[in-house]
Amino acid sequence: ASVAASPAAAQAGEPTGAGAGAAAGSAA
């Protein structure tokens, strides 16, 4: 899974890329 995060999300320290996909999968 590829994630295109906004600059605000990057500054807030949110996970991007495969890490965000894995986090979303675990949350689901």
PDB file of all heavy atoms in Angstrom:
ATOM      1  N   ALA A   1       0.858  -1.181   0.000  1.00  0.00           N
ATOM      2  CA  ALA A   1       0.000   0.000   0.000  1.00  0.00           C
ATOM      3  C   ALA A   1       0.884   1.217   0.000  1.00  0.00           C
ATOM      4  O   ALA A   1       1.856   1.297   0.737  1.00  0.00           O
ATOM      5  CB  ALA A   1      -0.903  -0.005   1.229  1.00  0.00           C
ATOM      6  N   SER A   2       0.536   2.205  -0.837  1.00  0.00           N
ATOM      7  CA  SER A   2       1.310   3.449  -0.901  1.00  0.00           C
ATOM      8  C   SER A   2       0.452   4.568  -0.371  1.00  0.00           C
ATOM      9  O   SER A   2      -0.718   4.657  -0.708  1.00  0.00           O
ATOM     10  CB  SER A   2       1.716   3.747  -2.351  1.00  0.00           C
ATOM     11  OG  SER A   2       0.574   3.893  -3.156  1.00  0.00           O
ATOM     12  N   VAL A   3       1.024   5.458   0.446  1.00  0.00           N
ATOM     13  CA  VAL A   3       0.280   6.530   1.085  1.00  0.00           C
ATOM     14  C   VAL A   3       0.937   7.843   0.753  1.00  0.00           C
ATOM     15  O   VAL A   3       2.131   8.009   0.951  1.00  0.00           O
ATOM     16  CB  VAL A   3       0.246   6.340   2.630  1.00  0.00           C
ATOM     17  CG1 VAL A   3      -0.504   7.466   3.277  1.00  0.00           C
ATOM     18  CG2 VAL A   3      -0.372   4.998   2.961  1.00  0.00           C
ATOM     19  N   ALA A   4       0.135   8.796   0.254  1.00  0.00           N
ATOM     20  CA  ALA A   4       0.643  10.140  -0.007  1.00  0.00           C
ATOM     21  C   ALA A   4       0.105  11.027   1.079  1.00  0.00           C
ATOM     22  O   ALA A   4      -1.044  11.437   1.038  1.00  0.00           O
ATOM     23  CB  ALA A   4       0.179  10.619  -1.389  1.00  0.00           C
ATOM     24  N   ALA A   5       0.897  11.338   2.078  1.00  0.00           N
ATOM     25  CA  ALA A   5       0.445  12.113   3.232  1.00  0.00           C
ATOM     26  C   ALA A   5       0.698  13.586   2.993  1.00  0.00           C
ATOM     27  O   ALA A   5       1.594  13.972   2.261  1.00  0.00           O
ATOM     28  CB  ALA A   5       1.177  11.649   4.489  1.00  0.00           C
ATOM     29  N   SER A   6      -0.091  14.438   3.643  1.00  0.00           N
ATOM     30  CA  SER A   6       0.085  15.872   3.522  1.00  0.00           C
ATOM     31  C   SER A   6       1.275  16.323   4.349  1.00  0.00           C
ATOM     32  O   SER A   6       1.711  15.632   5.265  1.00  0.00           O
ATOM     33  CB  SER A   6      -1.190  16.566   4.022  1.00  0.00           C
ATOM     34  OG  SER A   6      -1.346  16.297   5.396  1.00  0.00           O
ATOM     35  N   PRO A   7       1.829  17.544   4.052  1.00  0.00           N
ATOM     36  CA  PRO A   7       2.955  18.047   4.855  1.00  0.00           C
ATOM     37  C   PRO A   7       2.593  18.192   6.319  1.00  0.00           C
ATOM     38  O   PRO A   7       3.410  17.975   7.205  1.00  0.00           O
ATOM     39  CB  PRO A   7       3.264  19.416   4.214  1.00  0.00           C
ATOM     40  CG  PRO A   7       2.700  19.331   2.837  1.00  0.00           C
ATOM     41  CD  PRO A   7       1.528  18.421   2.907  1.00  0.00           C
ATOM     42  N   ALA A   8       1.325  18.543   6.593  1.00  0.00           N
ATOM     43  CA  ALA A   8       0.932  18.692   7.994  1.00  0.00           C
ATOM     44  C   ALA A   8       0.999  17.367   8.713  1.00  0.00           C
ATOM     45  O   ALA A   8       1.393  17.276   9.873  1.00  0.00           O
ATOM     46  CB  ALA A   8      -0.498  19.249   8.069  1.00  0.00           C
ATOM     47  N   ALA A   9       0.610  16.279   8.021  1.00  0.00           N
ATOM     48  CA  ALA A   9       0.661  14.955   8.641  1.00  0.00           C
ATOM     49  C   ALA A   9       2.095  14.540   8.891  1.00  0.00           C
ATOM     50  O   ALA A   9       2.422  13.899   9.887  1.00  0.00           O
ATOM     51  CB  ALA A   9      -0.042  13.936   7.748  1.00  0.00           C
ATOM     52  N   ALA A  10       2.992  14.891   7.962  1.00  0.00           N
ATOM     53  CA  ALA A  10       4.401  14.535   8.140  1.00  0.00           C
ATOM     54  C   ALA A  10       5.000  15.263   9.325  1.00  0.00           C
ATOM     55  O   ALA A  10       5.776  14.720  10.099  1.00  0.00           O
ATOM     56  CB  ALA A  10       5.180  14.877   6.861  1.00  0.00           C
ATOM     57  N   GLN A  11       4.608  16.569   9.486  1.00  0.00           N
ATOM     58  CA  GLN A  11       5.138  17.325  10.621  1.00  0.00           C
ATOM     59  C   GLN A  11       4.597  16.784  11.926  1.00  0.00           C
ATOM     60  O   GLN A  11       5.247  16.830  12.958  1.00  0.00           O
ATOM     61  CB  GLN A  11       4.756  18.803  10.479  1.00  0.00           C
ATOM     62  CG  GLN A  11       5.507  19.477   9.315  1.00  0.00           C
ATOM     63  CD  GLN A  11       5.061  20.922   9.149  1.00  0.00           C
ATOM     64  OE1 GLN A  11       4.249  21.405   9.908  1.00  0.00           O
ATOM     65  NE2 GLN A  11       5.628  21.591   8.156  1.00  0.00           N
ATOM     66  N   ALA A  12       3.340  16.271  11.924  1.00  0.00           N
ATOM     67  CA  ALA A  12       2.744  15.769  13.157  1.00  0.00           C
ATOM     68  C   ALA A  12       3.292  14.419  13.554  1.00  0.00           C
ATOM     69  O   ALA A  12       2.962  13.890  14.603  1.00  0.00           O
ATOM     70  CB  ALA A  12       1.218  15.668  13.000  1.00  0.00           C
ATOM     71  N   GLY A  13       4.127  13.811  12.690  1.00  0.00           N
ATOM     72  CA  GLY A  13       4.734  12.533  13.037  1.00  0.00           C
ATOM     73  C   GLY A  13       3.853  11.353  12.725  1.00  0.00           C
ATOM     74  O   GLY A  13       3.995  10.297  13.316  1.00  0.00           O
ATOM     75  N   GLU A  14       2.857  11.519  11.789  1.00  0.00           N
ATOM     76  CA  GLU A  14       1.994  10.400  11.447  1.00  0.00           C
ATOM     77  C   GLU A  14       2.756   9.439  10.555  1.00  0.00           C
ATOM     78  O   GLU A  14       3.548   9.837   9.713  1.00  0.00           O
ATOM     79  CB  GLU A  14       0.740  10.911  10.726  1.00  0.00           C
ATOM     80  CG  GLU A  14      -0.149  11.779  11.630  1.00  0.00           C
ATOM     81  CD  GLU A  14      -1.370  12.271  10.885  1.00  0.00           C
ATOM     82  OE1 GLU A  14      -1.458  11.981   9.680  1.00  0.00           O
ATOM     83  OE2 GLU A  14      -2.208  12.938  11.500  1.00  0.00           O
ATOM     84  N   PRO A  15       2.479   8.116  10.654  1.00  0.00           N
ATOM     85  CA  PRO A  15       3.183   7.143   9.827  1.00  0.00           C
ATOM     86  C   PRO A  15       2.765   7.259   8.376  1.00  0.00           C
ATOM     87  O   PRO A  15       1.613   7.551   8.071  1.00  0.00           O
ATOM     88  CB  PRO A  15       2.733   5.801  10.413  1.00  0.00           C
ATOM     89  CG  PRO A  15       1.433   6.090  11.094  1.00  0.00           C
ATOM     90  CD  PRO A  15       1.532   7.498  11.578  1.00  0.00           C
ATOM     91  N   THR A  16       3.725   7.090   7.497  1.00  0.00           N
ATOM     92  CA  THR A  16       3.456   7.154   6.071  1.00  0.00           C
ATOM     93  C   THR A  16       3.949   5.875   5.418  1.00  0.00           C
ATOM     94  O   THR A  16       4.674   5.090   6.008  1.00  0.00           O
ATOM     95  CB  THR A  16       4.180   8.358   5.430  1.00  0.00           C
ATOM     96  OG1 THR A  16       5.571   8.238   5.692  1.00  0.00           O
ATOM     97  CG2 THR A  16       3.673   9.676   6.010  1.00  0.00           C
ATOM     98  N   GLY A  17       3.544   5.686   4.156  1.00  0.00           N
ATOM     99  CA  GLY A  17       4.024   4.541   3.390  1.00  0.00           C
ATOM    100  C   GLY A  17       3.447   3.244   3.904  1.00  0.00           C
ATOM    101  O   GLY A  17       2.308   3.152   4.332  1.00  0.00           O
ATOM    102  N   ALA A  18       4.261   2.179   3.853  1.00  0.00           N
ATOM    103  CA  ALA A  18       3.809   0.844   4.243  1.00  0.00           C
ATOM    104  C   ALA A  18       3.464   0.796   5.724  1.00  0.00           C
ATOM    105  O   ALA A  18       2.607   0.032   6.155  1.00  0.00           O
ATOM    106  CB  ALA A  18       4.885  -0.187   3.929  1.00  0.00           C
ATOM    107  N   GLY A  19       4.139   1.644   6.544  1.00  0.00           N
ATOM    108  CA  GLY A  19       3.850   1.664   7.987  1.00  0.00           C
ATOM    109  C   GLY A  19       2.421   2.092   8.248  1.00  0.00           C
ATOM    110  O   GLY A  19       1.734   1.540   9.097  1.00  0.00           O
ATOM    111  N   ALA A  20       1.943   3.127   7.491  1.00  0.00           N
ATOM    112  CA  ALA A  20       0.568   3.580   7.669  1.00  0.00           C
ATOM    113  C   ALA A  20      -0.400   2.509   7.222  1.00  0.00           C
ATOM    114  O   ALA A  20      -1.459   2.311   7.819  1.00  0.00           O
ATOM    115  CB  ALA A  20       0.340   4.871   6.865  1.00  0.00           C
ATOM    116  N   GLY A  21      -0.061   1.805   6.130  1.00  0.00           N
ATOM    117  CA  GLY A  21      -0.946   0.737   5.665  1.00  0.00           C
ATOM    118  C   GLY A  21      -1.067  -0.361   6.694  1.00  0.00           C
ATOM    119  O   GLY A  21      -2.149  -0.897   6.939  1.00  0.00           O
ATOM    120  N   ALA A  22       0.052  -0.728   7.322  1.00  0.00           N
ATOM    121  CA  ALA A  22       0.013  -1.769   8.350  1.00  0.00           C
ATOM    122  C   ALA A  22      -0.787  -1.310   9.559  1.00  0.00           C
ATOM    123  O   ALA A  22      -1.549  -2.082  10.162  1.00  0.00           O
ATOM    124  CB  ALA A  22       1.441  -2.140   8.770  1.00  0.00           C
ATOM    125  N   ALA A  23      -0.607  -0.012   9.932  1.00  0.00           N
ATOM    126  CA  ALA A  23      -1.348   0.513  11.082  1.00  0.00           C
ATOM    127  C   ALA A  23      -2.838   0.511  10.795  1.00  0.00           C
ATOM    128  O   ALA A  23      -3.658   0.176  11.652  1.00  0.00           O
ATOM    129  CB  ALA A  23      -0.874   1.940  11.411  1.00  0.00           C
ATOM    130  N   ALA A  24      -3.214   0.900   9.551  1.00  0.00           N
ATOM    131  CA  ALA A  24      -4.628   0.905   9.189  1.00  0.00           C
ATOM    132  C   ALA A  24      -5.184  -0.503   9.213  1.00  0.00           C
ATOM    133  O   ALA A  24      -6.322  -0.744   9.641  1.00  0.00           O
ATOM    134  CB  ALA A  24      -4.816   1.531   7.808  1.00  0.00           C
ATOM    135  N   GLY A  25      -4.375  -1.473   8.748  1.00  0.00           N
ATOM    136  CA  GLY A  25      -4.836  -2.866   8.755  1.00  0.00           C
ATOM    137  C   GLY A  25      -5.054  -3.381  10.155  1.00  0.00           C
ATOM    138  O   GLY A  25      -6.036  -4.066  10.450  1.00  0.00           O
ATOM    139  N   SER A  26      -4.124  -3.047  11.070  1.00  0.00           N
ATOM    140  CA  SER A  26      -4.272  -3.513  12.454  1.00  0.00           C
ATOM    141  C   SER A  26      -5.456  -2.844  13.125  1.00  0.00           C
ATOM    142  O   SER A  26      -6.150  -3.456  13.925  1.00  0.00           O
ATOM    143  CB  SER A  26      -2.993  -3.232  13.242  1.00  0.00           C
ATOM    144  OG  SER A  26      -2.735  -1.838  13.269  1.00  0.00           O
ATOM    145  N   ALA A  27      -5.705  -1.553  12.806  1.00  0.00           N
ATOM    146  CA  ALA A  27      -6.851  -0.857  13.391  1.00  0.00           C
ATOM    147  C   ALA A  27      -8.151  -1.477  12.894  1.00  0.00           C
ATOM    148  O   ALA A  27      -9.110  -1.638  13.648  1.00  0.00           O
ATOM    149  CB  ALA A  27      -6.813   0.630  13.028  1.00  0.00           C
ATOM    150  N   ALA A  28      -8.198  -1.836  11.599  1.00  0.00           N
ATOM    151  CA  ALA A  28      -9.407  -2.455  11.066  1.00  0.00           C
ATOM    152  C   ALA A  28      -9.646  -3.815  11.699  1.00  0.00           C
ATOM    153  O   ALA A  28     -10.775  -4.204  11.995  1.00  0.00           O
ATOM    154  CB  ALA A  28      -9.286  -2.597   9.548  1.00  0.00           C
TER     155      ALA A  28
END
